[in-house]
Amino acid sequence: MTADFDQNRLTGCMGCVEPIETAPGRHLFPAVPWQGDDPAALPADYDLHFEASFGANGAFEDTAITVTHPERTVTNAAGTWQGQFSNVPDVDGNPRRVIGSTDVHFAENDGSQGRFTGIFDALTPATLTPPGGNEVTTK
């Protein structure tokens, strides 16, 4: 993910750096277990590109989503992605984290259909590698 705080724009890609993984049997809330069928096809080589504007409170929600695959033709993609920047700064003064969720449906030219539903969590480089190496300081 890349945040442009001058333009209040956030862009990101799931699948571009690391492959998208599935986690059968995982759930979001312990009190509300979610278990779906295993996917008919693995999400290997799909990329989901996102773009959104965010407000002064750090919240965003948008439908600007593109799904791509190097060997398949995606003919239609629609959905949302939304999230919130942390109000805790990193050592550089930027929000240290952004979290959110996405739900994207897509179709391919051979009639195949797919859906990506998930959550994401991203930390700034300064949060991942604090000054002084691996030391963690608290106040």
Protein backbone atom coordinates (compact mmCIF):
# COMPACT_ATOMS: atom_id res chain seq x y z
CA MET A 1 0.00 0.00 0.00
CA THR A 2 1.09 3.53 -0.66
CA ALA A 3 -0.42 6.54 1.06
CA ASP A 4 -0.01 10.01 -0.42
CA PHE A 5 -0.85 12.31 2.49
CA ASP A 6 -0.51 15.44 0.32
CA GLN A 7 -3.26 14.20 -2.02
CA ASN A 8 -5.20 12.11 0.57
CA ARG A 9 -4.93 9.08 -1.77
CA LEU A 10 -4.29 5.46 -0.93
CA THR A 11 -3.36 2.82 -3.50
CA GLY A 12 -2.63 -0.81 -2.94
CA CYS A 13 -2.39 -4.24 -4.42
CA MET A 14 -3.12 -7.64 -2.95
CA GLY A 15 -1.20 -10.36 -4.76
CA CYS A 16 1.45 -8.11 -6.32
CA VAL A 17 4.21 -8.70 -3.76
CA GLU A 18 3.09 -11.98 -2.18
CA PRO A 19 0.57 -14.47 -3.58
CA ILE A 20 -2.97 -14.26 -2.23
CA GLU A 21 -3.51 -17.08 0.23
CA THR A 22 -6.65 -18.78 1.45
CA ALA A 23 -7.21 -19.83 5.02
CA PRO A 24 -10.03 -22.39 5.20
CA GLY A 25 -11.74 -22.53 8.56
CA ARG A 26 -10.51 -19.12 9.72
CA HIS A 27 -12.94 -16.74 11.30
CA LEU A 28 -13.11 -13.05 12.06
CA PHE A 29 -14.76 -13.11 15.46
CA PRO A 30 -14.53 -16.03 17.91
CA ALA A 31 -18.24 -15.68 18.73
CA VAL A 32 -19.24 -15.83 15.04
CA PRO A 33 -17.34 -18.66 13.37
CA TRP A 34 -17.20 -18.58 9.60
CA GLN A 35 -16.48 -21.64 7.58
CA GLY A 36 -17.04 -21.73 3.89
CA ASP A 37 -16.34 -24.24 1.21
CA ASP A 38 -12.77 -24.52 0.01
CA PRO A 39 -12.34 -22.55 -3.21
CA ALA A 40 -12.84 -24.42 -6.47
CA ALA A 41 -9.60 -22.86 -7.75
CA LEU A 42 -6.68 -21.35 -5.88
CA PRO A 43 -6.18 -17.57 -6.17
CA ALA A 44 -2.66 -18.02 -7.58
CA ASP A 45 -1.47 -15.20 -9.83
CA TYR A 46 -4.50 -12.92 -9.30
CA ASP A 47 -3.79 -9.31 -8.38
CA LEU A 48 -6.34 -6.93 -6.85
CA HIS A 49 -5.50 -3.25 -7.36
CA PHE A 50 -7.25 -0.68 -5.13
CA GLU A 51 -7.49 3.09 -5.01
CA ALA A 52 -9.31 5.42 -2.61
CA SER A 53 -9.41 8.89 -1.12
CA PHE A 54 -9.34 9.22 2.64
CA GLY A 55 -10.72 11.91 4.89
CA ALA A 56 -9.17 13.85 7.76
CA ASN A 57 -10.23 11.05 10.14
CA GLY A 58 -8.22 8.50 8.09
CA ALA A 59 -11.24 6.48 6.96
CA PHE A 60 -11.71 5.34 3.37
CA GLU A 61 -14.19 3.37 1.30
CA ASP A 62 -14.20 3.03 -2.47
CA THR A 63 -15.19 0.84 -5.39
CA ALA A 64 -12.12 1.57 -7.56
CA ILE A 65 -10.95 -2.06 -7.92
CA THR A 66 -9.24 -3.91 -10.76
CA VAL A 67 -8.67 -7.68 -10.87
CA THR A 68 -5.96 -9.04 -13.17
CA HIS A 69 -4.41 -12.42 -14.00
CA PRO A 70 -1.53 -13.02 -16.43
CA GLU A 71 -3.21 -15.97 -18.17
CA ARG A 72 -6.93 -15.21 -17.79
CA THR A 73 -9.13 -12.40 -19.11
CA VAL A 74 -11.11 -10.69 -16.37
CA THR A 75 -14.12 -9.07 -18.03
CA ASN A 76 -15.82 -7.50 -15.01
CA ALA A 77 -14.92 -6.72 -11.41
CA ALA A 78 -16.95 -4.92 -8.78
CA GLY A 79 -16.83 -4.55 -5.04
CA THR A 80 -15.64 -2.40 -2.20
CA TRP A 81 -12.63 -1.92 -0.05
CA GLN A 82 -12.68 0.09 3.12
CA GLY A 83 -10.55 0.76 6.11
CA GLN A 84 -9.05 3.13 8.62
CA PHE A 85 -5.61 4.53 9.38
CA SER A 86 -4.37 4.23 12.95
CA ASN A 87 -4.41 7.39 15.05
CA VAL A 88 -1.08 6.34 16.60
CA PRO A 89 1.91 7.74 14.68
CA ASP A 90 5.13 5.92 13.85
CA VAL A 91 8.52 7.55 14.52
CA ASP A 92 8.23 9.48 11.23
CA GLY A 93 4.87 10.97 12.27
CA ASN A 94 2.76 8.89 9.85
CA PRO A 95 -0.06 6.62 10.96
CA ARG A 96 1.68 3.39 11.98
CA ARG A 97 -0.97 1.04 10.59
CA VAL A 98 -3.90 0.74 8.23
CA ILE A 99 -6.53 -1.99 8.54
CA GLY A 100 -9.58 -2.82 6.51
CA SER A 101 -11.61 -5.28 4.50
CA THR A 102 -12.51 -6.03 0.91
CA ASP A 103 -15.26 -7.88 -0.95
CA VAL A 104 -14.77 -8.20 -4.72
CA HIS A 105 -16.72 -10.24 -7.29
CA PHE A 106 -15.33 -10.80 -10.77
CA ALA A 107 -16.10 -12.63 -14.01
CA GLU A 108 -13.85 -14.00 -16.74
CA ASN A 109 -14.37 -14.38 -20.47
CA ASP A 110 -14.79 -18.18 -20.22
CA GLY A 111 -17.79 -17.77 -17.87
CA SER A 112 -15.84 -18.39 -14.68
CA GLN A 113 -16.69 -16.27 -11.67
CA GLY A 114 -14.78 -15.53 -8.50
CA ARG A 115 -14.94 -13.64 -5.27
CA PHE A 116 -12.29 -12.30 -2.91
CA THR A 117 -13.45 -11.50 0.61
CA GLY A 118 -10.90 -10.70 3.25
CA ILE A 119 -9.24 -8.42 5.73
CA PHE A 120 -5.91 -6.64 5.52
CA ASP A 121 -3.44 -5.05 7.91
CA ALA A 122 -0.38 -3.06 6.84
CA LEU A 123 2.34 -1.48 8.97
CA THR A 124 4.66 1.36 7.95
CA PRO A 125 8.34 0.52 7.35
CA ALA A 126 9.25 2.61 10.41
CA THR A 127 6.91 0.47 12.53
CA LEU A 128 8.37 -2.76 11.15
CA THR A 129 11.96 -1.61 11.73
CA PRO A 130 12.06 0.78 14.65
CA PRO A 131 15.15 2.96 15.17
CA GLY A 132 17.93 1.08 16.93
CA GLY A 133 17.19 -2.28 15.29
CA ASN A 134 14.94 -4.81 16.94
CA GLU A 135 14.53 -2.94 20.20
CA VAL A 136 11.03 -2.14 21.28
CA THR A 137 10.53 0.83 23.56
CA THR A 138 7.43 1.70 25.52
CA LYS A 139 6.37 4.79 27.40
